[in-house]
N, C-alpha and C. Protein backbone atom coordinates (compact mmCIF):
# COMPACT_ATOMS: atom_id res chain seq x y z
N MET A 1 0.84 -1.19 0.00
CA MET A 1 0.00 0.00 0.00
C MET A 1 0.88 1.25 0.00
N LYS A 2 0.43 2.28 -0.69
CA LYS A 2 1.16 3.54 -0.74
C LYS A 2 1.14 4.22 0.62
N THR A 3 2.18 5.04 0.86
CA THR A 3 2.26 5.75 2.14
C THR A 3 2.56 7.22 1.91
N LEU A 4 2.34 7.98 2.97
CA LEU A 4 2.64 9.41 3.02
C LEU A 4 3.71 9.63 4.07
N LYS A 5 4.60 10.56 3.84
CA LYS A 5 5.54 10.97 4.87
C LYS A 5 4.82 12.02 5.72
N VAL A 6 4.84 11.84 7.04
CA VAL A 6 4.17 12.76 7.94
C VAL A 6 5.17 13.35 8.92
N ASN A 7 5.13 14.68 9.05
CA ASN A 7 5.93 15.40 10.04
C ASN A 7 5.00 16.25 10.88
N ILE A 8 5.10 16.13 12.20
CA ILE A 8 4.37 17.01 13.11
C ILE A 8 5.43 17.77 13.88
N VAL A 9 5.38 19.11 13.74
CA VAL A 9 6.41 19.97 14.30
C VAL A 9 5.77 21.06 15.16
N THR A 10 6.40 21.37 16.29
CA THR A 10 5.97 22.46 17.16
C THR A 10 7.12 23.46 17.26
N PRO A 11 6.89 24.60 17.89
CA PRO A 11 8.00 25.54 18.10
C PRO A 11 9.15 24.93 18.91
N ASP A 12 8.86 23.89 19.69
CA ASP A 12 9.89 23.22 20.49
C ASP A 12 10.65 22.15 19.71
N GLY A 13 10.19 21.85 18.49
CA GLY A 13 10.88 20.86 17.68
C GLY A 13 9.94 19.79 17.16
N PRO A 14 10.50 18.77 16.48
CA PRO A 14 9.67 17.72 15.90
C PRO A 14 9.06 16.82 16.98
N VAL A 15 7.82 16.38 16.74
CA VAL A 15 7.11 15.50 17.66
C VAL A 15 6.90 14.13 17.02
N TYR A 16 6.71 14.11 15.70
CA TYR A 16 6.41 12.85 15.01
C TYR A 16 6.97 12.93 13.60
N GLU A 17 7.56 11.82 13.16
CA GLU A 17 8.03 11.72 11.77
C GLU A 17 8.00 10.25 11.38
N SER A 18 7.20 9.94 10.37
CA SER A 18 7.09 8.55 9.93
C SER A 18 6.34 8.49 8.60
N GLU A 19 6.24 7.28 8.08
CA GLU A 19 5.44 6.99 6.89
C GLU A 19 4.15 6.33 7.35
N VAL A 20 3.00 6.82 6.88
CA VAL A 20 1.71 6.25 7.25
C VAL A 20 0.85 6.08 6.00
N GLU A 21 -0.20 5.29 6.14
CA GLU A 21 -1.12 5.06 5.03
C GLU A 21 -2.21 6.13 4.96
N MET A 22 -2.60 6.67 6.13
CA MET A 22 -3.68 7.67 6.17
C MET A 22 -3.51 8.57 7.37
N VAL A 23 -3.86 9.85 7.18
CA VAL A 23 -3.88 10.84 8.25
C VAL A 23 -5.30 11.37 8.36
N SER A 24 -5.78 11.46 9.57
CA SER A 24 -7.11 12.02 9.81
C SER A 24 -6.99 13.08 10.89
N THR A 25 -7.55 14.26 10.64
CA THR A 25 -7.46 15.36 11.61
C THR A 25 -8.65 16.29 11.44
N LYS A 26 -8.81 17.21 12.39
CA LYS A 26 -9.91 18.17 12.33
C LYS A 26 -9.38 19.54 11.92
N ALA A 27 -9.82 19.98 10.75
CA ALA A 27 -9.51 21.34 10.30
C ALA A 27 -10.66 22.24 10.74
N GLN A 28 -10.47 23.54 10.62
CA GLN A 28 -11.54 24.48 10.97
C GLN A 28 -12.78 24.23 10.12
N SER A 29 -12.60 23.73 8.90
CA SER A 29 -13.72 23.50 7.98
C SER A 29 -14.36 22.11 8.14
N GLY A 30 -13.77 21.25 8.99
CA GLY A 30 -14.32 19.92 9.20
C GLY A 30 -13.25 18.85 9.23
N GLU A 31 -13.68 17.62 9.33
CA GLU A 31 -12.77 16.47 9.40
C GLU A 31 -12.09 16.25 8.05
N LEU A 32 -10.77 15.98 8.11
CA LEU A 32 -10.00 15.70 6.89
C LEU A 32 -9.45 14.28 6.96
N GLY A 33 -9.62 13.53 5.90
CA GLY A 33 -8.97 12.24 5.73
C GLY A 33 -8.00 12.39 4.57
N ILE A 34 -6.73 12.13 4.81
CA ILE A 34 -5.70 12.38 3.81
C ILE A 34 -5.02 11.07 3.44
N LEU A 35 -5.06 10.74 2.17
CA LEU A 35 -4.42 9.55 1.63
C LEU A 35 -3.33 9.97 0.65
N PRO A 36 -2.39 9.05 0.30
CA PRO A 36 -1.38 9.38 -0.71
C PRO A 36 -2.04 9.87 -1.99
N GLY A 37 -1.48 10.90 -2.59
CA GLY A 37 -2.01 11.47 -3.82
C GLY A 37 -3.04 12.56 -3.60
N HIS A 38 -3.28 12.95 -2.33
CA HIS A 38 -4.25 14.00 -2.02
C HIS A 38 -3.83 15.31 -2.71
N ILE A 39 -4.81 16.10 -3.09
CA ILE A 39 -4.50 17.39 -3.72
C ILE A 39 -3.79 18.30 -2.70
N PRO A 40 -2.90 19.16 -3.18
CA PRO A 40 -2.21 20.09 -2.27
C PRO A 40 -3.21 21.05 -1.63
N MET A 41 -2.98 21.33 -0.35
CA MET A 41 -3.84 22.27 0.37
C MET A 41 -3.16 22.68 1.67
N VAL A 42 -3.65 23.78 2.22
CA VAL A 42 -3.24 24.25 3.54
C VAL A 42 -4.52 24.58 4.28
N ALA A 43 -4.61 24.14 5.55
CA ALA A 43 -5.82 24.39 6.32
C ALA A 43 -5.47 24.62 7.79
N PRO A 44 -6.18 25.55 8.45
CA PRO A 44 -5.99 25.72 9.89
C PRO A 44 -6.62 24.55 10.65
N LEU A 45 -5.98 24.15 11.75
CA LEU A 45 -6.46 23.02 12.54
C LEU A 45 -7.20 23.47 13.79
N GLN A 46 -8.12 22.62 14.23
CA GLN A 46 -8.78 22.80 15.51
C GLN A 46 -7.99 22.06 16.58
N ILE A 47 -8.31 22.32 17.83
CA ILE A 47 -7.79 21.51 18.92
C ILE A 47 -8.40 20.13 18.73
N GLY A 48 -7.57 19.10 18.66
CA GLY A 48 -8.10 17.76 18.44
C GLY A 48 -7.01 16.73 18.28
N ALA A 49 -7.42 15.54 17.88
CA ALA A 49 -6.50 14.42 17.70
C ALA A 49 -6.13 14.27 16.24
N VAL A 50 -4.87 13.98 15.99
CA VAL A 50 -4.42 13.58 14.66
C VAL A 50 -4.28 12.07 14.72
N ARG A 51 -4.99 11.37 13.84
CA ARG A 51 -4.93 9.92 13.78
C ARG A 51 -4.04 9.51 12.61
N LEU A 52 -3.05 8.69 12.92
CA LEU A 52 -2.07 8.25 11.93
C LEU A 52 -2.22 6.75 11.78
N LYS A 53 -2.72 6.32 10.63
CA LYS A 53 -3.08 4.91 10.44
C LYS A 53 -2.06 4.21 9.55
N ASN A 54 -1.63 3.05 10.03
CA ASN A 54 -0.73 2.18 9.30
C ASN A 54 -1.24 0.76 9.46
N GLY A 55 -1.88 0.21 8.44
CA GLY A 55 -2.48 -1.12 8.56
C GLY A 55 -3.55 -1.11 9.63
N ASN A 56 -3.43 -2.02 10.60
CA ASN A 56 -4.39 -2.08 11.70
C ASN A 56 -3.98 -1.22 12.89
N ASP A 57 -2.82 -0.59 12.83
CA ASP A 57 -2.32 0.24 13.92
C ASP A 57 -2.70 1.69 13.71
N THR A 58 -3.13 2.35 14.78
CA THR A 58 -3.44 3.78 14.73
C THR A 58 -2.71 4.46 15.88
N GLU A 59 -1.90 5.44 15.53
CA GLU A 59 -1.23 6.26 16.54
C GLU A 59 -2.00 7.57 16.66
N LEU A 60 -2.00 8.14 17.86
CA LEU A 60 -2.70 9.40 18.10
C LEU A 60 -1.73 10.45 18.60
N VAL A 61 -1.95 11.67 18.13
CA VAL A 61 -1.19 12.82 18.59
C VAL A 61 -2.20 13.92 18.91
N ALA A 62 -2.13 14.46 20.13
CA ALA A 62 -3.00 15.58 20.51
C ALA A 62 -2.36 16.87 20.03
N VAL A 63 -3.11 17.67 19.26
CA VAL A 63 -2.60 18.96 18.80
C VAL A 63 -3.52 20.07 19.29
N SER A 64 -2.90 21.21 19.56
CA SER A 64 -3.65 22.38 20.04
C SER A 64 -3.59 23.47 18.99
N GLY A 65 -4.27 23.23 17.88
CA GLY A 65 -4.31 24.22 16.81
C GLY A 65 -3.04 24.19 15.97
N GLY A 66 -3.03 25.03 14.97
CA GLY A 66 -1.91 25.11 14.05
C GLY A 66 -2.41 25.00 12.62
N PHE A 67 -1.56 24.47 11.74
CA PHE A 67 -1.89 24.34 10.32
C PHE A 67 -1.44 22.98 9.80
N VAL A 68 -2.16 22.48 8.81
CA VAL A 68 -1.74 21.28 8.10
C VAL A 68 -1.47 21.69 6.66
N GLU A 69 -0.32 21.24 6.16
CA GLU A 69 0.03 21.44 4.75
C GLU A 69 0.06 20.06 4.11
N VAL A 70 -0.73 19.89 3.06
CA VAL A 70 -0.83 18.60 2.39
C VAL A 70 -0.23 18.73 1.00
N ARG A 71 0.63 17.79 0.67
CA ARG A 71 1.15 17.62 -0.68
C ARG A 71 0.90 16.16 -1.06
N PRO A 72 0.95 15.82 -2.33
CA PRO A 72 0.57 14.46 -2.74
C PRO A 72 1.26 13.33 -1.97
N GLU A 73 2.49 13.50 -1.56
CA GLU A 73 3.21 12.43 -0.87
C GLU A 73 3.71 12.83 0.51
N GLN A 74 3.28 13.99 1.02
CA GLN A 74 3.77 14.44 2.33
C GLN A 74 2.73 15.30 3.03
N VAL A 75 2.64 15.13 4.35
CA VAL A 75 1.78 15.95 5.19
C VAL A 75 2.66 16.55 6.27
N THR A 76 2.59 17.87 6.41
CA THR A 76 3.31 18.55 7.47
C THR A 76 2.31 19.27 8.35
N ILE A 77 2.38 19.02 9.65
CA ILE A 77 1.51 19.70 10.60
C ILE A 77 2.39 20.59 11.46
N LEU A 78 2.09 21.89 11.40
CA LEU A 78 2.77 22.89 12.22
C LEU A 78 1.81 23.22 13.35
N ALA A 79 2.07 22.68 14.52
CA ALA A 79 1.15 22.81 15.65
C ALA A 79 1.69 23.73 16.72
N GLN A 80 0.79 24.42 17.41
CA GLN A 80 1.20 25.25 18.54
C GLN A 80 1.78 24.37 19.63
N SER A 81 1.15 23.23 19.87
CA SER A 81 1.68 22.20 20.76
C SER A 81 1.17 20.86 20.28
N ALA A 82 1.93 19.81 20.54
CA ALA A 82 1.54 18.46 20.13
C ALA A 82 2.19 17.45 21.06
N GLU A 83 1.43 16.40 21.39
CA GLU A 83 1.94 15.34 22.25
C GLU A 83 1.45 14.00 21.74
N ARG A 84 2.35 13.04 21.63
CA ARG A 84 1.95 11.68 21.29
C ARG A 84 1.17 11.11 22.48
N SER A 85 0.23 10.23 22.21
CA SER A 85 -0.66 9.71 23.27
C SER A 85 0.12 9.10 24.43
N GLU A 86 1.19 8.37 24.12
CA GLU A 86 1.95 7.72 25.19
C GLU A 86 2.79 8.70 26.02
N ALA A 87 2.97 9.92 25.53
CA ALA A 87 3.77 10.91 26.25
C ALA A 87 2.94 11.86 27.10
N ILE A 88 1.62 11.74 27.05
CA ILE A 88 0.75 12.66 27.77
C ILE A 88 0.76 12.34 29.26
N ASP A 89 0.99 13.36 30.07
CA ASP A 89 0.93 13.25 31.53
C ASP A 89 -0.52 13.50 31.93
N VAL A 90 -1.26 12.42 32.18
CA VAL A 90 -2.70 12.53 32.45
C VAL A 90 -2.96 13.30 33.74
N GLU A 91 -2.13 13.12 34.73
CA GLU A 91 -2.32 13.84 36.00
C GLU A 91 -2.23 15.34 35.77
N ARG A 92 -1.23 15.76 35.01
CA ARG A 92 -1.06 17.19 34.70
C ARG A 92 -2.24 17.71 33.88
N ALA A 93 -2.70 16.92 32.91
CA ALA A 93 -3.84 17.31 32.09
C ALA A 93 -5.10 17.43 32.94
N THR A 94 -5.28 16.52 33.87
CA THR A 94 -6.45 16.56 34.76
C THR A 94 -6.40 17.80 35.65
N GLN A 95 -5.22 18.14 36.14
CA GLN A 95 -5.07 19.36 36.95
C GLN A 95 -5.39 20.60 36.12
N ALA A 96 -4.94 20.62 34.87
CA ALA A 96 -5.25 21.75 33.98
C ALA A 96 -6.74 21.84 33.72
N LYS A 97 -7.39 20.70 33.54
CA LYS A 97 -8.84 20.65 33.34
C LYS A 97 -9.56 21.22 34.56
N ASN A 98 -9.14 20.80 35.75
CA ASN A 98 -9.77 21.28 36.98
C ASN A 98 -9.58 22.78 37.17
N ARG A 99 -8.39 23.29 36.87
CA ARG A 99 -8.13 24.74 36.97
C ARG A 99 -9.03 25.51 36.01
N ALA A 100 -9.14 25.01 34.78
CA ALA A 100 -9.97 25.69 33.77
C ALA A 100 -11.43 25.69 34.19
N GLU A 101 -11.92 24.57 34.71
CA GLU A 101 -13.31 24.51 35.18
C GLU A 101 -13.55 25.46 36.34
N SER A 102 -12.57 25.56 37.24
CA SER A 102 -12.70 26.50 38.37
C SER A 102 -12.79 27.93 37.87
N ARG A 103 -11.97 28.27 36.89
CA ARG A 103 -12.00 29.63 36.33
C ARG A 103 -13.35 29.92 35.67
N LEU A 104 -13.87 28.94 34.96
CA LEU A 104 -15.15 29.13 34.29
C LEU A 104 -16.30 29.28 35.28
N ASN A 105 -16.17 28.69 36.45
CA ASN A 105 -17.21 28.79 37.47
C ASN A 105 -17.06 30.02 38.36
N ALA A 106 -15.94 30.75 38.21
CA ALA A 106 -15.70 31.95 39.01
C ALA A 106 -16.53 33.11 38.46
N SER A 107 -16.47 34.21 39.17
CA SER A 107 -17.17 35.43 38.74
C SER A 107 -16.67 35.83 37.36
N LYS A 108 -17.59 36.15 36.47
CA LYS A 108 -17.27 36.47 35.08
C LYS A 108 -16.34 37.69 34.94
N GLU A 109 -16.39 38.62 35.89
CA GLU A 109 -15.55 39.81 35.78
C GLU A 109 -14.08 39.52 36.07
N GLU A 110 -13.81 38.42 36.77
CA GLU A 110 -12.45 38.14 37.20
C GLU A 110 -11.64 37.30 36.21
N ILE A 111 -12.27 36.77 35.16
CA ILE A 111 -11.55 35.86 34.27
C ILE A 111 -11.67 36.26 32.81
N ASP A 112 -10.76 35.74 32.03
CA ASP A 112 -10.84 35.83 30.58
C ASP A 112 -11.56 34.55 30.14
N PHE A 113 -12.86 34.66 29.89
CA PHE A 113 -13.72 33.51 29.63
C PHE A 113 -13.22 32.68 28.45
N ARG A 114 -12.87 33.32 27.35
CA ARG A 114 -12.42 32.61 26.14
C ARG A 114 -11.14 31.82 26.41
N ARG A 115 -10.22 32.43 27.14
CA ARG A 115 -8.96 31.77 27.47
C ARG A 115 -9.20 30.53 28.33
N ALA A 116 -10.11 30.64 29.29
CA ALA A 116 -10.44 29.50 30.15
C ALA A 116 -11.10 28.39 29.34
N GLN A 117 -11.98 28.75 28.40
CA GLN A 117 -12.62 27.74 27.55
C GLN A 117 -11.58 26.98 26.72
N LEU A 118 -10.63 27.72 26.14
CA LEU A 118 -9.59 27.07 25.33
C LEU A 118 -8.71 26.17 26.18
N ALA A 119 -8.38 26.60 27.39
CA ALA A 119 -7.58 25.78 28.30
C ALA A 119 -8.32 24.48 28.63
N LEU A 120 -9.62 24.57 28.84
CA LEU A 120 -10.43 23.38 29.11
C LEU A 120 -10.45 22.45 27.90
N ARG A 121 -10.63 22.99 26.71
CA ARG A 121 -10.65 22.16 25.50
C ARG A 121 -9.30 21.46 25.28
N ARG A 122 -8.19 22.19 25.52
CA ARG A 122 -6.87 21.58 25.36
C ARG A 122 -6.66 20.44 26.36
N ALA A 123 -7.04 20.67 27.60
CA ALA A 123 -6.88 19.64 28.63
C ALA A 123 -7.74 18.41 28.32
N MET A 124 -9.00 18.64 27.92
CA MET A 124 -9.89 17.53 27.59
C MET A 124 -9.36 16.75 26.38
N ASN A 125 -8.81 17.45 25.40
CA ASN A 125 -8.24 16.80 24.22
C ASN A 125 -7.09 15.88 24.63
N ARG A 126 -6.21 16.36 25.50
CA ARG A 126 -5.07 15.56 25.94
C ARG A 126 -5.54 14.31 26.68
N ILE A 127 -6.54 14.48 27.55
CA ILE A 127 -7.07 13.34 28.31
C ILE A 127 -7.71 12.34 27.36
N ASN A 128 -8.53 12.83 26.43
CA ASN A 128 -9.21 11.94 25.48
C ASN A 128 -8.23 11.20 24.57
N VAL A 129 -7.19 11.87 24.12
CA VAL A 129 -6.20 11.21 23.26
C VAL A 129 -5.48 10.13 24.06
N HIS A 130 -5.10 10.45 25.30
CA HIS A 130 -4.43 9.45 26.13
C HIS A 130 -5.31 8.22 26.36
N ASP A 131 -6.61 8.48 26.63
CA ASP A 131 -7.56 7.39 26.91
C ASP A 131 -8.17 6.80 25.64
N ARG A 132 -7.79 7.35 24.48
CA ARG A 132 -8.32 6.92 23.16
C ARG A 132 -9.83 7.11 23.06
N ASN A 133 -10.34 8.19 23.66
CA ASN A 133 -11.77 8.55 23.59
C ASN A 133 -11.93 9.70 22.61
N PHE A 134 -11.82 9.45 21.34
CA PHE A 134 -11.90 10.52 20.37
C PHE A 134 -13.08 10.38 19.47
């Protein structure tokens, strides 16, 4: 079966580099399934999971926004942050989730509501990717 070269890069450096059969991710415009030979495109990403499929194996990477660049034989994801499922510290993610929920439940004048919502979404994404609940 044909494969795509996939690179997931953050400002801190590369997170993932391999050959896969299919990439699935959430762009701002909706879910994308990318196979070898896909038309070239660039799209902004949502907070979500990147699924990297090779045969019966699927690897997950949690990304917190960024961009995906697709070329016929290569996919590059430039993410604000990214973590492979096995590298996620669930305890830290749970603490971040609890902090974000506390902020959202506080007085509206004391918090940046949008920032707290995004922090909650990022924490929930990390927990879901680790637990494979996507």
